[in-house]
């Protein structure tokens, strides 16, 4: 299975762009425009749609990954500058022992156990060192041995009234331990909140 990456530099002068960036549900629906409409209730998972919003100099960028070839022409005319590339080359370079730089905006969280009393079964957001440990453990389970980690809390995502995701961006270096598991993590994402911009794992092999 391959994947495609769409890089969008949205035009921040446009009203529809501003509205999308202010509303997680609208932004999700906009990113889903890159794939066909008739894919049913699990369209995001079936087409492998993952995305991340990042601040950059003089604006923001949207990175959108899909496992179905996306069609940027389905976005409104003039929505932003758009670039598309396949990720076959990247995936093919992820061998056991390959050192990589990584980035992921994730929703570090855990489900509370019976000892939590009335809170049992609820999802608790993790912050600080607990969030870092969550990432190191989760990365190991997805074929990455983390060497360094720098974490930065992002703005919480509030969608559909009661849906809330605490977001932390993790950056650093790691070593690939299991290429097949890493490939799956890149293609399918990691953790909760994928609908709203969490879970997209970006890797770049270090230059030797």
C-alpha atoms as a PDB file:
ATOM      1  CA  UNK A   1       0.000   0.000   0.000  1.00  0.00           C
ATOM      2  CA  UNK A   2       1.292   3.426  -0.884  1.00  0.00           C
ATOM      3  CA  UNK A   3       0.357   6.876   0.328  1.00  0.00           C
ATOM      4  CA  UNK A   4       0.202  10.426  -0.966  1.00  0.00           C
ATOM      5  CA  UNK A   5       0.957  13.647   0.860  1.00  0.00           C
ATOM      6  CA  UNK A   6      -0.803  16.895   0.040  1.00  0.00           C
ATOM      7  CA  UNK A   7       0.729  20.133   1.320  1.00  0.00           C
ATOM      8  CA  UNK A   8      -1.702  23.026   1.420  1.00  0.00           C
ATOM      9  CA  UNK A   9      -0.745  26.623   2.163  1.00  0.00           C
ATOM     10  CA  UNK A  10      -4.252  28.013   2.702  1.00  0.00           C
ATOM     11  CA  UNK A  11      -5.010  31.587   1.703  1.00  0.00           C
ATOM     12  CA  UNK A  12      -5.635  33.262   5.050  1.00  0.00           C
ATOM     13  CA  UNK A  13      -7.397  36.158   3.354  1.00  0.00           C
ATOM     14  CA  UNK A  14     -10.335  33.916   2.435  1.00  0.00           C
ATOM     15  CA  UNK A  15     -13.418  33.741   4.654  1.00  0.00           C
ATOM     16  CA  UNK A  16     -13.926  30.010   4.036  1.00  0.00           C
ATOM     17  CA  UNK A  17     -10.328  29.294   5.075  1.00  0.00           C
ATOM     18  CA  UNK A  18     -10.695  31.295   8.299  1.00  0.00           C
ATOM     19  CA  UNK A  19     -13.963  29.496   9.090  1.00  0.00           C
ATOM     20  CA  UNK A  20     -12.385  26.088   8.424  1.00  0.00           C
ATOM     21  CA  UNK A  21      -9.395  26.758  10.656  1.00  0.00           C
ATOM     22  CA  UNK A  22     -11.669  27.909  13.497  1.00  0.00           C
ATOM     23  CA  UNK A  23     -13.939  24.846  13.420  1.00  0.00           C
ATOM     24  CA  UNK A  24     -12.551  21.278  13.704  1.00  0.00           C
ATOM     25  CA  UNK A  25     -15.685  19.770  12.158  1.00  0.00           C
ATOM     26  CA  UNK A  26     -15.520  22.093   9.161  1.00  0.00           C
ATOM     27  CA  UNK A  27     -11.802  21.438   8.733  1.00  0.00           C
ATOM     28  CA  UNK A  28     -12.359  17.677   8.806  1.00  0.00           C
ATOM     29  CA  UNK A  29     -15.065  17.951   6.154  1.00  0.00           C
ATOM     30  CA  UNK A  30     -12.833  20.152   4.006  1.00  0.00           C
ATOM     31  CA  UNK A  31      -9.961  17.667   4.127  1.00  0.00           C
ATOM     32  CA  UNK A  32     -12.378  14.865   3.248  1.00  0.00           C
ATOM     33  CA  UNK A  33     -13.149  16.715   0.006  1.00  0.00           C
ATOM     34  CA  UNK A  34      -9.855  15.332  -1.319  1.00  0.00           C
ATOM     35  CA  UNK A  35     -11.485  11.904  -1.711  1.00  0.00           C
ATOM     36  CA  UNK A  36     -14.783  10.815  -3.356  1.00  0.00           C
ATOM     37  CA  UNK A  37     -18.089  11.454  -1.575  1.00  0.00           C
ATOM     38  CA  UNK A  38     -19.571   7.967  -1.882  1.00  0.00           C
ATOM     39  CA  UNK A  39     -17.340   5.967   0.478  1.00  0.00           C
ATOM     40  CA  UNK A  40     -19.778   5.326   3.316  1.00  0.00           C
ATOM     41  CA  UNK A  41     -19.539   5.767   7.078  1.00  0.00           C
ATOM     42  CA  UNK A  42     -15.855   4.779   7.375  1.00  0.00           C
ATOM     43  CA  UNK A  43     -14.590   6.937   4.550  1.00  0.00           C
ATOM     44  CA  UNK A  44     -11.717   8.471   6.515  1.00  0.00           C
ATOM     45  CA  UNK A  45     -10.293   5.107   7.565  1.00  0.00           C
ATOM     46  CA  UNK A  46     -10.863   3.485   4.168  1.00  0.00           C
ATOM     47  CA  UNK A  47      -9.067   6.294   2.322  1.00  0.00           C
ATOM     48  CA  UNK A  48      -6.405   6.642   5.038  1.00  0.00           C
ATOM     49  CA  UNK A  49      -7.046  10.368   5.516  1.00  0.00           C
ATOM     50  CA  UNK A  50      -4.782  11.854   8.174  1.00  0.00           C
ATOM     51  CA  UNK A  51      -3.838  15.491   8.531  1.00  0.00           C
ATOM     52  CA  UNK A  52      -1.947  17.962  10.671  1.00  0.00           C
ATOM     53  CA  UNK A  53      -2.175  21.739  10.932  1.00  0.00           C
ATOM     54  CA  UNK A  54       1.131  23.487  11.556  1.00  0.00           C
ATOM     55  CA  UNK A  55       2.176  27.059  12.144  1.00  0.00           C
ATOM     56  CA  UNK A  56       4.852  28.243   9.735  1.00  0.00           C
ATOM     57  CA  UNK A  57       6.456  31.593   9.022  1.00  0.00           C
ATOM     58  CA  UNK A  58       3.830  33.997   7.685  1.00  0.00           C
ATOM     59  CA  UNK A  59       0.942  31.559   8.024  1.00  0.00           C
ATOM     60  CA  UNK A  60      -0.028  27.935   8.451  1.00  0.00           C
ATOM     61  CA  UNK A  61       0.223  24.749   6.443  1.00  0.00           C
ATOM     62  CA  UNK A  62      -1.970  21.683   6.234  1.00  0.00           C
ATOM     63  CA  UNK A  63      -0.337  18.320   5.628  1.00  0.00           C
ATOM     64  CA  UNK A  64      -2.864  15.754   4.435  1.00  0.00           C
ATOM     65  CA  UNK A  65      -1.969  12.115   3.858  1.00  0.00           C
ATOM     66  CA  UNK A  66      -4.158   9.576   2.072  1.00  0.00           C
ATOM     67  CA  UNK A  67      -3.854   5.958   0.922  1.00  0.00           C
ATOM     68  CA  UNK A  68      -6.235   6.696  -1.953  1.00  0.00           C
ATOM     69  CA  UNK A  69      -4.935   9.091  -4.586  1.00  0.00           C
ATOM     70  CA  UNK A  70      -6.356  12.485  -3.600  1.00  0.00           C
ATOM     71  CA  UNK A  71      -7.928  14.978  -5.978  1.00  0.00           C
ATOM     72  CA  UNK A  72      -6.914  18.513  -4.933  1.00  0.00           C
ATOM     73  CA  UNK A  73      -9.129  19.951  -7.680  1.00  0.00           C
ATOM     74  CA  UNK A  74     -12.114  19.136  -5.470  1.00  0.00           C
ATOM     75  CA  UNK A  75     -11.071  21.938  -3.110  1.00  0.00           C
ATOM     76  CA  UNK A  76     -12.500  25.408  -3.818  1.00  0.00           C
ATOM     77  CA  UNK A  77     -10.663  27.376  -6.511  1.00  0.00           C
ATOM     78  CA  UNK A  78      -7.969  29.502  -4.914  1.00  0.00           C
ATOM     79  CA  UNK A  79      -8.194  27.787  -1.518  1.00  0.00           C
ATOM     80  CA  UNK A  80      -4.414  27.836  -1.291  1.00  0.00           C
ATOM     81  CA  UNK A  81      -1.118  26.721  -2.789  1.00  0.00           C
ATOM     82  CA  UNK A  82      -1.164  22.944  -3.176  1.00  0.00           C
ATOM     83  CA  UNK A  83       1.630  20.408  -3.752  1.00  0.00           C
ATOM     84  CA  UNK A  84       1.194  16.630  -4.075  1.00  0.00           C
ATOM     85  CA  UNK A  85       3.737  13.834  -3.842  1.00  0.00           C
ATOM     86  CA  UNK A  86       3.814  10.077  -3.404  1.00  0.00           C
ATOM     87  CA  UNK A  87       5.489   8.544  -0.352  1.00  0.00           C
ATOM     88  CA  UNK A  88       6.706   5.282  -1.931  1.00  0.00           C
ATOM     89  CA  UNK A  89      10.306   6.442  -1.838  1.00  0.00           C
ATOM     90  CA  UNK A  90      10.136   7.379   1.828  1.00  0.00           C
ATOM     91  CA  UNK A  91       8.458   4.144   2.901  1.00  0.00           C
ATOM     92  CA  UNK A  92      11.023   2.119   0.988  1.00  0.00           C
ATOM     93  CA  UNK A  93      13.880   3.754   2.895  1.00  0.00           C
ATOM     94  CA  UNK A  94      12.537   2.816   6.328  1.00  0.00           C
ATOM     95  CA  UNK A  95      14.669  -0.247   7.064  1.00  0.00           C
ATOM     96  CA  UNK A  96      15.535  -1.776  10.431  1.00  0.00           C
ATOM     97  CA  UNK A  97      18.208   0.375  12.039  1.00  0.00           C
ATOM     98  CA  UNK A  98      17.400   3.500  10.007  1.00  0.00           C
ATOM     99  CA  UNK A  99      17.745   6.667  12.125  1.00  0.00           C
ATOM    100  CA  UNK A 100      14.908   9.114  11.492  1.00  0.00           C
ATOM    101  CA  UNK A 101      13.559  12.477  12.498  1.00  0.00           C
ATOM    102  CA  UNK A 102       9.889  12.283  13.488  1.00  0.00           C
ATOM    103  CA  UNK A 103       6.961  14.593  14.096  1.00  0.00           C
ATOM    104  CA  UNK A 104       3.455  13.781  15.280  1.00  0.00           C
ATOM    105  CA  UNK A 105       0.626  15.808  16.805  1.00  0.00           C
ATOM    106  CA  UNK A 106      -1.038  13.254  19.034  1.00  0.00           C
ATOM    107  CA  UNK A 107      -3.726  12.908  21.661  1.00  0.00           C
ATOM    108  CA  UNK A 108      -1.858  11.295  24.591  1.00  0.00           C
ATOM    109  CA  UNK A 109      -4.475   9.798  26.848  1.00  0.00           C
ATOM    110  CA  UNK A 110      -5.444   6.742  28.869  1.00  0.00           C
ATOM    111  CA  UNK A 111      -8.663   5.090  29.954  1.00  0.00           C
ATOM    112  CA  UNK A 112      -9.061   5.171  33.731  1.00  0.00           C
ATOM    113  CA  UNK A 113      -9.357   1.805  35.456  1.00  0.00           C
ATOM    114  CA  UNK A 114     -11.646   0.529  38.200  1.00  0.00           C
ATOM    115  CA  UNK A 115      -9.514   2.136  40.893  1.00  0.00           C
ATOM    116  CA  UNK A 116     -10.598   5.561  39.612  1.00  0.00           C
ATOM    117  CA  UNK A 117     -14.007   5.149  41.224  1.00  0.00           C
ATOM    118  CA  UNK A 118     -16.754   7.207  39.550  1.00  0.00           C
ATOM    119  CA  UNK A 119     -14.274   8.242  36.863  1.00  0.00           C
ATOM    120  CA  UNK A 120     -13.594   4.625  35.833  1.00  0.00           C
ATOM    121  CA  UNK A 121     -13.787   4.107  32.102  1.00  0.00           C
ATOM    122  CA  UNK A 122     -13.341   7.768  31.242  1.00  0.00           C
ATOM    123  CA  UNK A 123     -10.526   9.014  28.996  1.00  0.00           C
ATOM    124  CA  UNK A 124      -7.931  11.146  30.769  1.00  0.00           C
ATOM    125  CA  UNK A 125      -5.616  13.477  28.848  1.00  0.00           C
ATOM    126  CA  UNK A 126      -1.919  13.164  29.676  1.00  0.00           C
ATOM    127  CA  UNK A 127       0.377  16.152  30.014  1.00  0.00           C
ATOM    128  CA  UNK A 128       4.058  16.847  30.669  1.00  0.00           C
ATOM    129  CA  UNK A 129       6.307  13.862  31.497  1.00  0.00           C
ATOM    130  CA  UNK A 130       3.294  11.504  31.438  1.00  0.00           C
ATOM    131  CA  UNK A 131       2.587  12.538  27.846  1.00  0.00           C
ATOM    132  CA  UNK A 132       6.251  12.060  26.894  1.00  0.00           C
ATOM    133  CA  UNK A 133       6.236   8.586  28.415  1.00  0.00           C
ATOM    134  CA  UNK A 134       3.024   7.788  26.558  1.00  0.00           C
ATOM    135  CA  UNK A 135       4.704   8.728  23.283  1.00  0.00           C
ATOM    136  CA  UNK A 136       7.906   6.772  23.954  1.00  0.00           C
ATOM    137  CA  UNK A 137       5.852   3.685  24.825  1.00  0.00           C
ATOM    138  CA  UNK A 138       3.462   4.107  21.906  1.00  0.00           C
ATOM    139  CA  UNK A 139       6.324   4.685  19.478  1.00  0.00           C
ATOM    140  CA  UNK A 140       8.037   1.486  20.661  1.00  0.00           C
ATOM    141  CA  UNK A 141       4.830  -0.448  20.012  1.00  0.00           C
ATOM    142  CA  UNK A 142       4.808   0.973  16.470  1.00  0.00           C
ATOM    143  CA  UNK A 143       8.374   0.051  15.542  1.00  0.00           C
ATOM    144  CA  UNK A 144      10.301   3.136  16.658  1.00  0.00           C
ATOM    145  CA  UNK A 145      12.900   3.356  19.424  1.00  0.00           C
ATOM    146  CA  UNK A 146      12.815   7.008  20.481  1.00  0.00           C
ATOM    147  CA  UNK A 147      16.219   8.610  21.040  1.00  0.00           C
ATOM    148  CA  UNK A 148      15.133  12.186  21.770  1.00  0.00           C
ATOM    149  CA  UNK A 149      11.780  13.851  22.325  1.00  0.00           C
ATOM    150  CA  UNK A 150      10.685  17.471  22.508  1.00  0.00           C
ATOM    151  CA  UNK A 151       7.018  17.991  23.323  1.00  0.00           C
ATOM    152  CA  UNK A 152       4.871  21.075  22.922  1.00  0.00           C
ATOM    153  CA  UNK A 153       1.248  21.380  23.998  1.00  0.00           C
ATOM    154  CA  UNK A 154      -1.080  22.580  21.245  1.00  0.00           C
ATOM    155  CA  UNK A 155      -4.509  24.121  21.450  1.00  0.00           C
ATOM    156  CA  UNK A 156      -7.171  21.647  22.569  1.00  0.00           C
ATOM    157  CA  UNK A 157      -9.522  20.463  19.857  1.00  0.00           C
ATOM    158  CA  UNK A 158     -13.179  20.980  20.706  1.00  0.00           C
ATOM    159  CA  UNK A 159     -15.600  19.461  18.219  1.00  0.00           C
ATOM    160  CA  UNK A 160     -19.283  18.538  18.127  1.00  0.00           C
ATOM    161  CA  UNK A 161     -19.884  20.130  21.489  1.00  0.00           C
ATOM    162  CA  UNK A 162     -18.648  17.438  23.858  1.00  0.00           C
ATOM    163  CA  UNK A 163     -15.712  16.018  21.870  1.00  0.00           C
ATOM    164  CA  UNK A 164     -12.423  17.317  23.232  1.00  0.00           C
ATOM    165  CA  UNK A 165      -8.893  16.232  22.452  1.00  0.00           C
ATOM    166  CA  UNK A 166      -5.811  17.525  24.245  1.00  0.00           C
ATOM    167  CA  UNK A 167      -3.075  17.755  21.606  1.00  0.00           C
ATOM    168  CA  UNK A 168       0.683  17.503  22.094  1.00  0.00           C
ATOM    169  CA  UNK A 169       3.202  17.745  19.262  1.00  0.00           C
ATOM    170  CA  UNK A 170       6.212  15.471  19.613  1.00  0.00           C
ATOM    171  CA  UNK A 171       9.421  16.053  17.650  1.00  0.00           C
ATOM    172  CA  UNK A 172      12.733  14.273  17.874  1.00  0.00           C
ATOM    173  CA  UNK A 173      14.867  11.411  16.642  1.00  0.00           C
ATOM    174  CA  UNK A 174      14.337   7.667  16.682  1.00  0.00           C
ATOM    175  CA  UNK A 175      15.569   4.425  15.146  1.00  0.00           C
ATOM    176  CA  UNK A 176      13.379   2.076  13.135  1.00  0.00           C
ATOM    177  CA  UNK A 177      13.165  -1.314  14.853  1.00  0.00           C
ATOM    178  CA  UNK A 178      10.390  -2.960  12.802  1.00  0.00           C
ATOM    179  CA  UNK A 179       9.854  -1.587   9.270  1.00  0.00           C
ATOM    180  CA  UNK A 180       6.523  -3.353   8.698  1.00  0.00           C
ATOM    181  CA  UNK A 181       5.043  -1.979  11.907  1.00  0.00           C
ATOM    182  CA  UNK A 182       6.386   1.493  11.151  1.00  0.00           C
ATOM    183  CA  UNK A 183       4.862   1.395   7.663  1.00  0.00           C
ATOM    184  CA  UNK A 184       1.490   0.547   9.186  1.00  0.00           C
ATOM    185  CA  UNK A 185       1.836   3.398  11.689  1.00  0.00           C
ATOM    186  CA  UNK A 186       2.605   5.877   8.905  1.00  0.00           C
ATOM    187  CA  UNK A 187      -0.317   4.670   6.785  1.00  0.00           C
ATOM    188  CA  UNK A 188      -2.922   4.397   9.535  1.00  0.00           C
ATOM    189  CA  UNK A 189      -1.807   6.894  12.177  1.00  0.00           C
ATOM    190  CA  UNK A 190      -1.314   6.578  15.928  1.00  0.00           C
ATOM    191  CA  UNK A 191      -3.661   7.264  18.819  1.00  0.00           C
ATOM    192  CA  UNK A 192      -7.055   8.934  19.150  1.00  0.00           C
ATOM    193  CA  UNK A 193      -8.427  12.024  17.415  1.00  0.00           C
ATOM    194  CA  UNK A 194      -7.482  11.158  13.827  1.00  0.00           C
ATOM    195  CA  UNK A 195     -10.699  12.716  12.527  1.00  0.00           C
ATOM    196  CA  UNK A 196      -9.609  16.089  13.890  1.00  0.00           C
ATOM    197  CA  UNK A 197      -5.956  16.285  12.931  1.00  0.00           C
ATOM    198  CA  UNK A 198      -4.152  13.973  15.339  1.00  0.00           C
ATOM    199  CA  UNK A 199      -2.103  10.860  14.621  1.00  0.00           C
ATOM    200  CA  UNK A 200      -0.249  11.694  11.389  1.00  0.00           C
ATOM    201  CA  UNK A 201       3.301  10.354  11.845  1.00  0.00           C
ATOM    202  CA  UNK A 202       5.860  12.142   9.674  1.00  0.00           C
ATOM    203  CA  UNK A 203       9.314  10.541   9.293  1.00  0.00           C
ATOM    204  CA  UNK A 204      12.453  11.705   7.512  1.00  0.00           C
ATOM    205  CA  UNK A 205      15.537   9.450   7.359  1.00  0.00           C
ATOM    206  CA  UNK A 206      18.618  11.198   8.717  1.00  0.00           C
ATOM    207  CA  UNK A 207      21.267  12.045   6.211  1.00  0.00           C
ATOM    208  CA  UNK A 208      24.319   9.840   6.652  1.00  0.00           C
END
